[in-house]
Amino acid sequence: MAYKMKTVGLMEAQAKAASYDYALLYLISEIKLCRTEMLKTINWEECQEARFFSADKELHIFEGENGMDAVEISDTGSDSIVIKEYLLDNRFASIGNSILVQEYLEYDEDGQAYVANTRLKGIC
């Protein structure tokens, strides 16, 4: 497997968020995409989902069955990885033109490839 996924406690996840390069926040009132150093504060009560990411890892905070949950995904190797680039909407032009998404491929019993997991990787 080319990645490691670890469950992280919510308080620990919120404290770790600043160590990532970029933040994508889905708030009730808006969507924010920026460098984490540009975030002054985060209203966690308004946050429905958050993705903090760097070239080698991502911290994903999301609404689970029992409230907010968090997982950290980090690279363990370079095998079976596909990186795709997607154009960003004009409202995010100040940060970049596109976002990089990393797909981790695995293979089923017939040898067919499938995307086992994805994470955000960077901004271009």
PDB file of N, CA and C in Angstrom:
ATOM      1  N   MET A   1       0.852  -1.173   0.000  1.00  0.00           N
ATOM      2  CA  MET A   1       0.000   0.000   0.000  1.00  0.00           C
ATOM      3  C   MET A   1       0.900   1.240   0.000  1.00  0.00           C
ATOM      4  N   ALA A   2       0.555   2.225  -0.776  1.00  0.00           N
ATOM      5  CA  ALA A   2       1.372   3.432  -0.931  1.00  0.00           C
ATOM      6  C   ALA A   2       0.997   4.537   0.049  1.00  0.00           C
ATOM      7  N   TYR A   3       0.094   4.243   0.980  1.00  0.00           N
ATOM      8  CA  TYR A   3      -0.296   5.256   1.954  1.00  0.00           C
ATOM      9  C   TYR A   3      -0.601   4.620   3.305  1.00  0.00           C
ATOM     10  N   LYS A   4      -0.589   5.482   4.312  1.00  0.00           N
ATOM     11  CA  LYS A   4      -0.950   5.065   5.661  1.00  0.00           C
ATOM     12  C   LYS A   4      -2.060   5.994   6.124  1.00  0.00           C
ATOM     13  N   MET A   5      -3.135   5.427   6.681  1.00  0.00           N
ATOM     14  CA  MET A   5      -4.239   6.225   7.198  1.00  0.00           C
ATOM     15  C   MET A   5      -4.320   6.008   8.703  1.00  0.00           C
ATOM     16  N   LYS A   6      -4.358   7.114   9.426  1.00  0.00           N
ATOM     17  CA  LYS A   6      -4.383   7.055  10.883  1.00  0.00           C
ATOM     18  C   LYS A   6      -5.524   7.925  11.400  1.00  0.00           C
ATOM     19  N   THR A   7      -6.344   7.369  12.288  1.00  0.00           N
ATOM     20  CA  THR A   7      -7.392   8.150  12.938  1.00  0.00           C
ATOM     21  C   THR A   7      -6.734   9.089  13.941  1.00  0.00           C
ATOM     22  N   VAL A   8      -7.208  10.339  13.954  1.00  0.00           N
ATOM     23  CA  VAL A   8      -6.649  11.367  14.823  1.00  0.00           C
ATOM     24  C   VAL A   8      -7.789  11.950  15.649  1.00  0.00           C
ATOM     25  N   GLY A   9      -7.562  12.195  16.922  1.00  0.00           N
ATOM     26  CA  GLY A   9      -8.560  12.849  17.759  1.00  0.00           C
ATOM     27  C   GLY A   9      -8.821  14.266  17.268  1.00  0.00           C
ATOM     28  N   LEU A  10     -10.035  14.748  17.456  1.00  0.00           N
ATOM     29  CA  LEU A  10     -10.426  16.054  16.926  1.00  0.00           C
ATOM     30  C   LEU A  10      -9.562  17.184  17.483  1.00  0.00           C
ATOM     31  N   MET A  11      -9.308  17.188  18.765  1.00  0.00           N
ATOM     32  CA  MET A  11      -8.491  18.251  19.361  1.00  0.00           C
ATOM     33  C   MET A  11      -7.064  18.210  18.804  1.00  0.00           C
ATOM     34  N   GLU A  12      -6.513  17.011  18.655  1.00  0.00           N
ATOM     35  CA  GLU A  12      -5.178  16.866  18.080  1.00  0.00           C
ATOM     36  C   GLU A  12      -5.166  17.330  16.628  1.00  0.00           C
ATOM     37  N   ALA A  13      -6.209  16.976  15.872  1.00  0.00           N
ATOM     38  CA  ALA A  13      -6.307  17.378  14.468  1.00  0.00           C
ATOM     39  C   ALA A  13      -6.350  18.900  14.341  1.00  0.00           C
ATOM     40  N   GLN A  14      -7.153  19.545  15.162  1.00  0.00           N
ATOM     41  CA  GLN A  14      -7.244  21.006  15.110  1.00  0.00           C
ATOM     42  C   GLN A  14      -5.895  21.641  15.440  1.00  0.00           C
ATOM     43  N   ALA A  15      -5.158  21.053  16.360  1.00  0.00           N
ATOM     44  CA  ALA A  15      -3.840  21.585  16.721  1.00  0.00           C
ATOM     45  C   ALA A  15      -2.814  21.347  15.610  1.00  0.00           C
ATOM     46  N   LYS A  16      -2.918  20.220  14.881  1.00  0.00           N
ATOM     47  CA  LYS A  16      -1.981  19.880  13.813  1.00  0.00           C
ATOM     48  C   LYS A  16      -2.219  20.674  12.530  1.00  0.00           C
ATOM     49  N   ALA A  17      -3.396  21.237  12.362  1.00  0.00           N
ATOM     50  CA  ALA A  17      -3.794  21.867  11.103  1.00  0.00           C
ATOM     51  C   ALA A  17      -2.796  22.901  10.606  1.00  0.00           C
ATOM     52  N   ALA A  18      -2.226  23.668  11.495  1.00  0.00           N
ATOM     53  CA  ALA A  18      -1.306  24.742  11.100  1.00  0.00           C
ATOM     54  C   ALA A  18      -0.002  24.217  10.502  1.00  0.00           C
ATOM     55  N   SER A  19       0.307  22.941  10.676  1.00  0.00           N
ATOM     56  CA  SER A  19       1.559  22.391  10.160  1.00  0.00           C
ATOM     57  C   SER A  19       1.486  22.015   8.674  1.00  0.00           C
ATOM     58  N   TYR A  20       0.338  22.159   8.061  1.00  0.00           N
ATOM     59  CA  TYR A  20       0.154  21.838   6.648  1.00  0.00           C
ATOM     60  C   TYR A  20       0.278  23.102   5.801  1.00  0.00           C
ATOM     61  N   ASP A  21       0.580  22.935   4.512  1.00  0.00           N
ATOM     62  CA  ASP A  21       0.774  24.088   3.624  1.00  0.00           C
ATOM     63  C   ASP A  21      -0.523  24.779   3.230  1.00  0.00           C
ATOM     64  N   TYR A  22      -1.567  23.995   2.954  1.00  0.00           N
ATOM     65  CA  TYR A  22      -2.819  24.541   2.421  1.00  0.00           C
ATOM     66  C   TYR A  22      -4.019  24.091   3.243  1.00  0.00           C
ATOM     67  N   ALA A  23      -5.098  24.864   3.134  1.00  0.00           N
ATOM     68  CA  ALA A  23      -6.352  24.533   3.807  1.00  0.00           C
ATOM     69  C   ALA A  23      -7.511  24.695   2.824  1.00  0.00           C
ATOM     70  N   LEU A  24      -8.413  23.733   2.831  1.00  0.00           N
ATOM     71  CA  LEU A  24      -9.678  23.804   2.107  1.00  0.00           C
ATOM     72  C   LEU A  24     -10.766  23.604   3.149  1.00  0.00           C
ATOM     73  N   LEU A  25     -11.534  24.645   3.411  1.00  0.00           N
ATOM     74  CA  LEU A  25     -12.556  24.615   4.456  1.00  0.00           C
ATOM     75  C   LEU A  25     -13.934  24.761   3.843  1.00  0.00           C
ATOM     76  N   TYR A  26     -14.821  23.858   4.201  1.00  0.00           N
ATOM     77  CA  TYR A  26     -16.229  23.941   3.816  1.00  0.00           C
ATOM     78  C   TYR A  26     -16.982  24.436   5.039  1.00  0.00           C
ATOM     79  N   LEU A  27     -17.255  25.726   5.041  1.00  0.00           N
ATOM     80  CA  LEU A  27     -17.986  26.345   6.138  1.00  0.00           C
ATOM     81  C   LEU A  27     -19.440  26.496   5.740  1.00  0.00           C
ATOM     82  N   ILE A  28     -20.311  26.713   6.695  1.00  0.00           N
ATOM     83  CA  ILE A  28     -21.732  26.913   6.380  1.00  0.00           C
ATOM     84  C   ILE A  28     -21.911  28.110   5.462  1.00  0.00           C
ATOM     85  N   SER A  29     -21.136  29.168   5.677  1.00  0.00           N
ATOM     86  CA  SER A  29     -21.320  30.416   4.936  1.00  0.00           C
ATOM     87  C   SER A  29     -20.436  30.566   3.705  1.00  0.00           C
ATOM     88  N   GLU A  30     -19.375  29.762   3.575  1.00  0.00           N
ATOM     89  CA  GLU A  30     -18.463  29.932   2.443  1.00  0.00           C
ATOM     90  C   GLU A  30     -17.505  28.746   2.324  1.00  0.00           C
ATOM     91  N   ILE A  31     -16.784  28.735   1.216  1.00  0.00           N
ATOM     92  CA  ILE A  31     -15.700  27.785   1.001  1.00  0.00           C
ATOM     93  C   ILE A  31     -14.410  28.588   0.969  1.00  0.00           C
ATOM     94  N   LYS A  32     -13.415  28.160   1.753  1.00  0.00           N
ATOM     95  CA  LYS A  32     -12.128  28.843   1.785  1.00  0.00           C
ATOM     96  C   LYS A  32     -11.050  27.899   1.281  1.00  0.00           C
ATOM     97  N   LEU A  33     -10.209  28.392   0.389  1.00  0.00           N
ATOM     98  CA  LEU A  33      -9.029  27.677  -0.076  1.00  0.00           C
ATOM     99  C   LEU A  33      -7.874  28.658   0.022  1.00  0.00           C
ATOM    100  N   CYS A  34      -6.893  28.347   0.866  1.00  0.00           N
ATOM    101  CA  CYS A  34      -5.793  29.290   1.087  1.00  0.00           C
ATOM    102  C   CYS A  34      -4.597  28.574   1.686  1.00  0.00           C
ATOM    103  N   ARG A  35      -3.493  29.291   1.784  1.00  0.00           N
ATOM    104  CA  ARG A  35      -2.343  28.800   2.532  1.00  0.00           C
ATOM    105  C   ARG A  35      -2.732  28.837   4.004  1.00  0.00           C
ATOM    106  N   THR A  36      -2.354  27.838   4.774  1.00  0.00           N
ATOM    107  CA  THR A  36      -2.767  27.790   6.176  1.00  0.00           C
ATOM    108  C   THR A  36      -2.221  28.976   6.962  1.00  0.00           C
ATOM    109  N   GLU A  37      -1.100  29.498   6.563  1.00  0.00           N
ATOM    110  CA  GLU A  37      -0.537  30.659   7.262  1.00  0.00           C
ATOM    111  C   GLU A  37      -1.424  31.900   7.125  1.00  0.00           C
ATOM    112  N   MET A  38      -2.320  31.896   6.149  1.00  0.00           N
ATOM    113  CA  MET A  38      -3.236  33.030   5.943  1.00  0.00           C
ATOM    114  C   MET A  38      -4.484  32.941   6.835  1.00  0.00           C
ATOM    115  N   LEU A  39      -4.726  31.774   7.424  1.00  0.00           N
ATOM    116  CA  LEU A  39      -5.875  31.611   8.310  1.00  0.00           C
ATOM    117  C   LEU A  39      -5.555  32.211   9.674  1.00  0.00           C
ATOM    118  N   LYS A  40      -6.346  33.155  10.074  1.00  0.00           N
ATOM    119  CA  LYS A  40      -6.143  33.738  11.399  1.00  0.00           C
ATOM    120  C   LYS A  40      -6.837  32.879  12.467  1.00  0.00           C
ATOM    121  N   THR A  41      -8.084  32.565  12.240  1.00  0.00           N
ATOM    122  CA  THR A  41      -8.848  31.686  13.125  1.00  0.00           C
ATOM    123  C   THR A  41      -9.794  30.840  12.279  1.00  0.00           C
ATOM    124  N   ILE A  42     -10.236  29.739  12.859  1.00  0.00           N
ATOM    125  CA  ILE A  42     -11.232  28.890  12.202  1.00  0.00           C
ATOM    126  C   ILE A  42     -12.413  28.760  13.151  1.00  0.00           C
ATOM    127  N   ASN A  43     -13.585  29.065  12.652  1.00  0.00           N
ATOM    128  CA  ASN A  43     -14.798  28.879  13.439  1.00  0.00           C
ATOM    129  C   ASN A  43     -15.220  27.413  13.267  1.00  0.00           C
ATOM    130  N   TRP A  44     -14.787  26.552  14.191  1.00  0.00           N
ATOM    131  CA  TRP A  44     -15.034  25.116  14.071  1.00  0.00           C
ATOM    132  C   TRP A  44     -16.508  24.768  14.180  1.00  0.00           C
ATOM    133  N   GLU A  45     -17.308  25.619  14.814  1.00  0.00           N
ATOM    134  CA  GLU A  45     -18.753  25.354  14.900  1.00  0.00           C
ATOM    135  C   GLU A  45     -19.424  25.527  13.541  1.00  0.00           C
ATOM    136  N   GLU A  46     -18.840  26.339  12.665  1.00  0.00           N
ATOM    137  CA  GLU A  46     -19.392  26.565  11.328  1.00  0.00           C
ATOM    138  C   GLU A  46     -18.781  25.621  10.293  1.00  0.00           C
ATOM    139  N   CYS A  47     -17.729  24.928  10.670  1.00  0.00           N
ATOM    140  CA  CYS A  47     -17.003  24.066   9.739  1.00  0.00           C
ATOM    141  C   CYS A  47     -17.717  22.723   9.580  1.00  0.00           C
ATOM    142  N   GLN A  48     -18.041  22.389   8.342  1.00  0.00           N
ATOM    143  CA  GLN A  48     -18.668  21.101   8.047  1.00  0.00           C
ATOM    144  C   GLN A  48     -17.647  20.062   7.605  1.00  0.00           C
ATOM    145  N   GLU A  49     -16.559  20.538   6.991  1.00  0.00           N
ATOM    146  CA  GLU A  49     -15.490  19.653   6.536  1.00  0.00           C
ATOM    147  C   GLU A  49     -14.248  20.505   6.329  1.00  0.00           C
ATOM    148  N   ALA A  50     -13.086  19.923   6.577  1.00  0.00           N
ATOM    149  CA  ALA A  50     -11.823  20.637   6.366  1.00  0.00           C
ATOM    150  C   ALA A  50     -10.772  19.663   5.857  1.00  0.00           C
ATOM    151  N   ARG A  51      -9.963  20.144   4.939  1.00  0.00           N
ATOM    152  CA  ARG A  51      -8.841  19.367   4.414  1.00  0.00           C
ATOM    153  C   ARG A  51      -7.603  20.253   4.492  1.00  0.00           C
ATOM    154  N   PHE A  52      -6.629  19.811   5.261  1.00  0.00           N
ATOM    155  CA  PHE A  52      -5.351  20.495   5.355  1.00  0.00           C
ATOM    156  C   PHE A  52      -4.354  19.594   4.651  1.00  0.00           C
ATOM    157  N   PHE A  53      -3.543  20.149   3.735  1.00  0.00           N
ATOM    158  CA  PHE A  53      -2.707  19.276   2.920  1.00  0.00           C
ATOM    159  C   PHE A  53      -1.370  19.904   2.561  1.00  0.00           C
ATOM    160  N   SER A  54      -0.421  19.018   2.345  1.00  0.00           N
ATOM    161  CA  SER A  54       0.931  19.341   1.891  1.00  0.00           C
ATOM    162  C   SER A  54       1.306  18.301   0.840  1.00  0.00           C
ATOM    163  N   ALA A  55       2.510  18.398   0.325  1.00  0.00           N
ATOM    164  CA  ALA A  55       2.924  17.492  -0.749  1.00  0.00           C
ATOM    165  C   ALA A  55       2.914  16.022  -0.331  1.00  0.00           C
ATOM    166  N   ASP A  56       3.166  15.733   0.952  1.00  0.00           N
ATOM    167  CA  ASP A  56       3.310  14.336   1.374  1.00  0.00           C
ATOM    168  C   ASP A  56       2.221  13.817   2.307  1.00  0.00           C
ATOM    169  N   LYS A  57       1.235  14.670   2.686  1.00  0.00           N
ATOM    170  CA  LYS A  57       0.198  14.195   3.610  1.00  0.00           C
ATOM    171  C   LYS A  57      -1.027  15.107   3.589  1.00  0.00           C
ATOM    172  N   GLU A  58      -2.118  14.587   4.151  1.00  0.00           N
ATOM    173  CA  GLU A  58      -3.365  15.348   4.267  1.00  0.00           C
ATOM    174  C   GLU A  58      -4.037  15.012   5.598  1.00  0.00           C
ATOM    175  N   LEU A  59      -4.641  16.023   6.189  1.00  0.00           N
ATOM    176  CA  LEU A  59      -5.453  15.874   7.390  1.00  0.00           C
ATOM    177  C   LEU A  59      -6.880  16.193   6.988  1.00  0.00           C
ATOM    178  N   HIS A  60      -7.776  15.225   7.125  1.00  0.00           N
ATOM    179  CA  HIS A  60      -9.168  15.380   6.701  1.00  0.00           C
ATOM    180  C   HIS A  60     -10.060  15.354   7.940  1.00  0.00           C
ATOM    181  N   ILE A  61     -10.766  16.453   8.167  1.00  0.00           N
ATOM    182  CA  ILE A  61     -11.717  16.560   9.276  1.00  0.00           C
ATOM    183  C   ILE A  61     -13.107  16.597   8.650  1.00  0.00           C
ATOM    184  N   PHE A  62     -14.003  15.754   9.133  1.00  0.00           N
ATOM    185  CA  PHE A  62     -15.309  15.616   8.487  1.00  0.00           C
ATOM    186  C   PHE A  62     -16.363  15.208   9.512  1.00  0.00           C
ATOM    187  N   GLU A  63     -17.624  15.375   9.131  1.00  0.00           N
ATOM    188  CA  GLU A  63     -18.729  14.957   9.995  1.00  0.00           C
ATOM    189  C   GLU A  63     -18.923  13.458   9.869  1.00  0.00           C
ATOM    190  N   GLY A  64     -18.763  12.763  10.993  1.00  0.00           N
ATOM    191  CA  GLY A  64     -18.980  11.324  11.033  1.00  0.00           C
ATOM    192  C   GLY A  64     -20.327  11.026  11.676  1.00  0.00           C
ATOM    193  N   GLU A  65     -20.545   9.782  11.994  1.00  0.00           N
ATOM    194  CA  GLU A  65     -21.816   9.371  12.591  1.00  0.00           C
ATOM    195  C   GLU A  65     -22.025   9.955  13.980  1.00  0.00           C
ATOM    196  N   ASN A  66     -20.939  10.163  14.716  1.00  0.00           N
ATOM    197  CA  ASN A  66     -21.039  10.655  16.093  1.00  0.00           C
ATOM    198  C   ASN A  66     -20.391  12.023  16.266  1.00  0.00           C
ATOM    199  N   GLY A  67     -20.489  12.879  15.266  1.00  0.00           N
ATOM    200  CA  GLY A  67     -19.859  14.198  15.328  1.00  0.00           C
ATOM    201  C   GLY A  67     -18.665  14.264  14.397  1.00  0.00           C
ATOM    202  N   MET A  68     -17.767  15.187  14.668  1.00  0.00           N
ATOM    203  CA  MET A  68     -16.606  15.386  13.807  1.00  0.00           C
ATOM    204  C   MET A  68     -15.548  14.307  14.048  1.00  0.00           C
ATOM    205  N   ASP A  69     -14.992  13.782  12.962  1.00  0.00           N
ATOM    206  CA  ASP A  69     -13.918  12.802  12.983  1.00  0.00           C
ATOM    207  C   ASP A  69     -12.743  13.363  12.194  1.00  0.00           C
ATOM    208  N   ALA A  70     -11.593  12.741  12.336  1.00  0.00           N
ATOM    209  CA  ALA A  70     -10.418  13.180  11.584  1.00  0.00           C
ATOM    210  C   ALA A  70      -9.523  11.993  11.258  1.00  0.00           C
ATOM    211  N   VAL A  71      -8.936  12.023  10.065  1.00  0.00           N
ATOM    212  CA  VAL A  71      -7.948  11.031   9.652  1.00  0.00           C
ATOM    213  C   VAL A  71      -6.782  11.759   9.002  1.00  0.00           C
ATOM    214  N   GLU A  72      -5.620  11.176   9.162  1.00  0.00           N
ATOM    215  CA  GLU A  72      -4.418  11.706   8.523  1.00  0.00           C
ATOM    216  C   GLU A  72      -3.921  10.664   7.540  1.00  0.00           C
ATOM    217  N   ILE A  73      -3.705  11.080   6.302  1.00  0.00           N
ATOM    218  CA  ILE A  73      -3.221  10.192   5.249  1.00  0.00           C
ATOM    219  C   ILE A  73      -1.818  10.653   4.877  1.00  0.00           C
ATOM    220  N   SER A  74      -0.868   9.726   4.905  1.00  0.00           N
ATOM    221  CA  SER A  74       0.502  10.071   4.532  1.00  0.00           C
ATOM    222  C   SER A  74       1.055   9.033   3.562  1.00  0.00           C
ATOM    223  N   ASP A  75       1.988   9.472   2.742  1.00  0.00           N
ATOM    224  CA  ASP A  75       2.601   8.592   1.751  1.00  0.00           C
ATOM    225  C   ASP A  75       3.579   7.636   2.415  1.00  0.00           C
ATOM    226  N   THR A  76       3.601   6.396   1.917  1.00  0.00           N
ATOM    227  CA  THR A  76       4.583   5.419   2.380  1.00  0.00           C
ATOM    228  C   THR A  76       5.450   4.923   1.236  1.00  0.00           C
ATOM    229  N   GLY A  77       5.090   5.254   0.018  1.00  0.00           N
ATOM    230  CA  GLY A  77       5.851   4.821  -1.156  1.00  0.00           C
ATOM    231  C   GLY A  77       5.329   5.513  -2.391  1.00  0.00           C
ATOM    232  N   SER A  78       5.949   5.229  -3.512  1.00  0.00           N
ATOM    233  CA  SER A  78       5.537   5.884  -4.756  1.00  0.00           C
ATOM    234  C   SER A  78       4.882   4.923  -5.736  1.00  0.00           C
ATOM    235  N   ASP A  79       4.687   3.665  -5.334  1.00  0.00           N
ATOM    236  CA  ASP A  79       4.063   2.679  -6.212  1.00  0.00           C
ATOM    237  C   ASP A  79       2.565   2.924  -6.310  1.00  0.00           C
ATOM    238  N   SER A  80       2.017   2.714  -7.481  1.00  0.00           N
ATOM    239  CA  SER A  80       0.573   2.754  -7.720  1.00  0.00           C
ATOM    240  C   SER A  80      -0.070   4.068  -7.294  1.00  0.00           C
ATOM    241  N   ILE A  81       0.543   5.176  -7.698  1.00  0.00           N
ATOM    242  CA  ILE A  81       0.014   6.513  -7.412  1.00  0.00           C
ATOM    243  C   ILE A  81      -0.206   7.242  -8.729  1.00  0.00           C
ATOM    244  N   VAL A  82      -1.337   7.921  -8.836  1.00  0.00           N
ATOM    245  CA  VAL A  82      -1.634   8.764  -9.986  1.00  0.00           C
ATOM    246  C   VAL A  82      -1.915  10.157  -9.451  1.00  0.00           C
ATOM    247  N   ILE A  83      -1.315  11.165 -10.065  1.00  0.00           N
ATOM    248  CA  ILE A  83      -1.559  12.552  -9.665  1.00  0.00           C
ATOM    249  C   ILE A  83      -2.305  13.243 -10.794  1.00  0.00           C
ATOM    250  N   LYS A  84      -3.437  13.831 -10.449  1.00  0.00           N
ATOM    251  CA  LYS A  84      -4.260  14.538 -11.436  1.00  0.00           C
ATOM    252  C   LYS A  84      -4.332  16.005 -11.078  1.00  0.00           C
ATOM    253  N   GLU A  85      -4.461  16.830 -12.095  1.00  0.00           N
ATOM    254  CA  GLU A  85      -4.541  18.272 -11.909  1.00  0.00           C
ATOM    255  C   GLU A  85      -5.916  18.745 -12.371  1.00  0.00           C
ATOM    256  N   TYR A  86      -6.590  19.511 -11.515  1.00  0.00           N
ATOM    257  CA  TYR A  86      -7.917  20.027 -11.820  1.00  0.00           C
ATOM    258  C   TYR A  86      -7.894  21.547 -11.744  1.00  0.00           C
ATOM    259  N   LEU A  87      -8.491  22.202 -12.746  1.00  0.00           N
ATOM    260  CA  LEU A  87      -8.553  23.660 -12.749  1.00  0.00           C
ATOM    261  C   LEU A  87      -9.432  24.159 -11.616  1.00  0.00           C
ATOM    262  N   LEU A  88      -9.011  25.259 -11.002  1.00  0.00           N
ATOM    263  CA  LEU A  88      -9.782  25.889  -9.933  1.00  0.00           C
ATOM    264  C   LEU A  88     -10.727  26.934 -10.501  1.00  0.00           C
ATOM    265  N   ASP A  89     -11.810  27.156  -9.819  1.00  0.00           N
ATOM    266  CA  ASP A  89     -12.750  28.219 -10.151  1.00  0.00           C
ATOM    267  C   ASP A  89     -12.033  29.569 -10.035  1.00  0.00           C
ATOM    268  N   ASN A  90     -12.495  30.546 -10.793  1.00  0.00           N
ATOM    269  CA  ASN A  90     -11.883  31.876 -10.794  1.00  0.00           C
ATOM    270  C   ASN A  90     -11.842  32.524  -9.412  1.00  0.00           C
ATOM    271  N   ARG A  91     -12.766  32.188  -8.530  1.00  0.00           N
ATOM    272  CA  ARG A  91     -12.770  32.813  -7.205  1.00  0.00           C
ATOM    273  C   ARG A  91     -11.557  32.410  -6.371  1.00  0.00           C
ATOM    274  N   PHE A  92     -10.827  31.380  -6.787  1.00  0.00           N
ATOM    275  CA  PHE A  92      -9.622  30.950  -6.084  1.00  0.00           C
ATOM    276  C   PHE A  92      -8.354  31.326  -6.846  1.00  0.00           C
ATOM    277  N   ALA A  93      -8.472  32.212  -7.831  1.00  0.00           N
ATOM    278  CA  ALA A  93      -7.337  32.584  -8.685  1.00  0.00           C
ATOM    279  C   ALA A  93      -6.179  33.194  -7.901  1.00  0.00           C
ATOM    280  N   SER A  94      -6.456  33.778  -6.765  1.00  0.00           N
ATOM    281  CA  SER A  94      -5.377  34.406  -5.996  1.00  0.00           C
ATOM    282  C   SER A  94      -4.403  33.384  -5.409  1.00  0.00           C
ATOM    283  N   ILE A  95      -4.827  32.147  -5.272  1.00  0.00           N
ATOM    284  CA  ILE A  95      -3.950  31.111  -4.703  1.00  0.00           C
ATOM    285  C   ILE A  95      -3.288  30.262  -5.780  1.00  0.00           C
ATOM    286  N   GLY A  96      -3.940  30.107  -6.927  1.00  0.00           N
ATOM    287  CA  GLY A  96      -3.369  29.294  -7.996  1.00  0.00           C
ATOM    288  C   GLY A  96      -4.394  28.988  -9.065  1.00  0.00           C
ATOM    289  N   ASN A  97      -3.934  28.298 -10.104  1.00  0.00           N
ATOM    290  CA  ASN A  97      -4.808  27.961 -11.229  1.00  0.00           C
ATOM    291  C   ASN A  97      -5.423  26.576 -11.124  1.00  0.00           C
ATOM    292  N   SER A  98      -4.727  25.679 -10.405  1.00  0.00           N
ATOM    293  CA  SER A  98      -5.225  24.306 -10.341  1.00  0.00           C
ATOM    294  C   SER A  98      -4.826  23.648  -9.022  1.00  0.00           C
ATOM    295  N   ILE A  99      -5.529  22.553  -8.729  1.00  0.00           N
ATOM    296  CA  ILE A  99      -5.273  21.787  -7.511  1.00  0.00           C
ATOM    297  C   ILE A  99      -4.830  20.383  -7.929  1.00  0.00           C
ATOM    298  N   LEU A 100      -3.873  19.837  -7.192  1.00  0.00           N
ATOM    299  CA  LEU A 100      -3.373  18.490  -7.462  1.00  0.00           C
ATOM    300  C   LEU A 100      -4.052  17.498  -6.530  1.00  0.00           C
ATOM    301  N   VAL A 101      -4.537  16.415  -7.112  1.00  0.00           N
ATOM    302  CA  VAL A 101      -5.195  15.354  -6.350  1.00  0.00           C
ATOM    303  C   VAL A 101      -4.420  14.067  -6.600  1.00  0.00           C
ATOM    304  N   GLN A 102      -4.042  13.404  -5.512  1.00  0.00           N
ATOM    305  CA  GLN A 102      -3.297  12.159  -5.604  1.00  0.00           C
ATOM    306  C   GLN A 102      -4.245  10.992  -5.386  1.00  0.00           C
ATOM    307  N   GLU A 103      -4.203  10.034  -6.314  1.00  0.00           N
ATOM    308  CA  GLU A 103      -5.017   8.831  -6.215  1.00  0.00           C
ATOM    309  C   GLU A 103      -4.105   7.645  -5.897  1.00  0.00           C
ATOM    310  N   TYR A 104      -4.517   6.863  -4.925  1.00  0.00           N
ATOM    311  CA  TYR A 104      -3.791   5.647  -4.556  1.00  0.00           C
ATOM    312  C   TYR A 104      -4.514   4.463  -5.196  1.00  0.00           C
ATOM    313  N   LEU A 105      -3.811   3.748  -6.046  1.00  0.00           N
ATOM    314  CA  LEU A 105      -4.407   2.615  -6.754  1.00  0.00           C
ATOM    315  C   LEU A 105      -4.116   1.309  -6.022  1.00  0.00           C
ATOM    316  N   GLU A 106      -5.102   0.447  -6.039  1.00  0.00           N
ATOM    317  CA  GLU A 106      -4.939  -0.925  -5.565  1.00  0.00           C
ATOM    318  C   GLU A 106      -5.542  -1.830  -6.630  1.00  0.00           C
ATOM    319  N   TYR A 107      -5.355  -3.123  -6.470  1.00  0.00           N
ATOM    320  CA  TYR A 107      -5.790  -4.081  -7.488  1.00  0.00           C
ATOM    321  C   TYR A 107      -6.673  -5.138  -6.859  1.00  0.00           C
ATOM    322  N   ASP A 108      -7.749  -5.490  -7.569  1.00  0.00           N
ATOM    323  CA  ASP A 108      -8.647  -6.524  -7.055  1.00  0.00           C
ATOM    324  C   ASP A 108      -8.106  -7.903  -7.424  1.00  0.00           C
ATOM    325  N   GLU A 109      -8.866  -8.938  -7.062  1.00  0.00           N
ATOM    326  CA  GLU A 109      -8.404 -10.310  -7.290  1.00  0.00           C
ATOM    327  C   GLU A 109      -8.243 -10.660  -8.764  1.00  0.00           C
ATOM    328  N   ASP A 110      -8.887  -9.890  -9.659  1.00  0.00           N
ATOM    329  CA  ASP A 110      -8.747 -10.111 -11.103  1.00  0.00           C
ATOM    330  C   ASP A 110      -7.628  -9.278 -11.710  1.00  0.00           C
ATOM    331  N   GLY A 111      -6.951  -8.485 -10.888  1.00  0.00           N
ATOM    332  CA  GLY A 111      -5.865  -7.647 -11.387  1.00  0.00           C
ATOM    333  C   GLY A 111      -6.317  -6.293 -11.917  1.00  0.00           C
ATOM    334  N   GLN A 112      -7.593  -5.980 -11.724  1.00  0.00           N
ATOM    335  CA  GLN A 112      -8.119  -4.698 -12.186  1.00  0.00           C
ATOM    336  C   GLN A 112      -7.776  -3.604 -11.176  1.00  0.00           C
ATOM    337  N   ALA A 113      -7.275  -2.489 -11.681  1.00  0.00           N
ATOM    338  CA  ALA A 113      -6.920  -1.362 -10.807  1.00  0.00           C
ATOM    339  C   ALA A 113      -8.174  -0.602 -10.403  1.00  0.00           C
ATOM    340  N   TYR A 114      -8.166  -0.097  -9.176  1.00  0.00           N
ATOM    341  CA  TYR A 114      -9.231   0.784  -8.703  1.00  0.00           C
ATOM    342  C   TYR A 114      -8.616   1.814  -7.766  1.00  0.00           C
ATOM    343  N   VAL A 115      -9.300   2.943  -7.608  1.00  0.00           N
ATOM    344  CA  VAL A 115      -8.824   4.002  -6.720  1.00  0.00           C
ATOM    345  C   VAL A 115      -9.257   3.644  -5.306  1.00  0.00           C
ATOM    346  N   ALA A 116      -8.287   3.344  -4.452  1.00  0.00           N
ATOM    347  CA  ALA A 116      -8.575   2.943  -3.075  1.00  0.00           C
ATOM    348  C   ALA A 116      -8.749   4.160  -2.170  1.00  0.00           C
ATOM    349  N   ASN A 117      -8.061   5.259  -2.502  1.00  0.00           N
ATOM    350  CA  ASN A 117      -8.156   6.459  -1.684  1.00  0.00           C
ATOM    351  C   ASN A 117      -7.643   7.642  -2.489  1.00  0.00           C
ATOM    352  N   THR A 118      -8.027   8.826  -2.097  1.00  0.00           N
ATOM    353  CA  THR A 118      -7.533  10.046  -2.722  1.00  0.00           C
ATOM    354  C   THR A 118      -7.181  11.046  -1.626  1.00  0.00           C
ATOM    355  N   ARG A 119      -6.321  11.990  -1.980  1.00  0.00           N
ATOM    356  CA  ARG A 119      -6.023  13.090  -1.073  1.00  0.00           C
ATOM    357  C   ARG A 119      -5.559  14.294  -1.885  1.00  0.00           C
ATOM    358  N   LEU A 120      -5.713  15.463  -1.302  1.00  0.00           N
ATOM    359  CA  LEU A 120      -5.224  16.675  -1.937  1.00  0.00           C
ATOM    360  C   LEU A 120      -3.726  16.749  -1.737  1.00  0.00           C
ATOM    361  N   LYS A 121      -2.999  17.273  -2.734  1.00  0.00           N
ATOM    362  CA  LYS A 121      -1.534  17.250  -2.710  1.00  0.00           C
ATOM    363  C   LYS A 121      -0.915  18.640  -2.789  1.00  0.00           C
ATOM    364  N   GLY A 122      -1.530  19.560  -3.514  1.00  0.00           N
ATOM    365  CA  GLY A 122      -0.918  20.876  -3.677  1.00  0.00           C
ATOM    366  C   GLY A 122      -1.710  21.771  -4.604  1.00  0.00           C
ATOM    367  N   ILE A 123      -1.198  22.971  -4.759  1.00  0.00           N
ATOM    368  CA  ILE A 123      -1.794  23.993  -5.626  1.00  0.00           C
ATOM    369  C   ILE A 123      -0.739  24.431  -6.639  1.00  0.00           C
ATOM    370  N   CYS A 124      -1.140  24.577  -7.900  1.00  0.00           N
ATOM    371  CA  CYS A 124      -0.234  25.057  -8.953  1.00  0.00           C
ATOM    372  C   CYS A 124      -0.694  26.422  -9.451  1.00  0.00           C
TER     373      CYS A 124
END
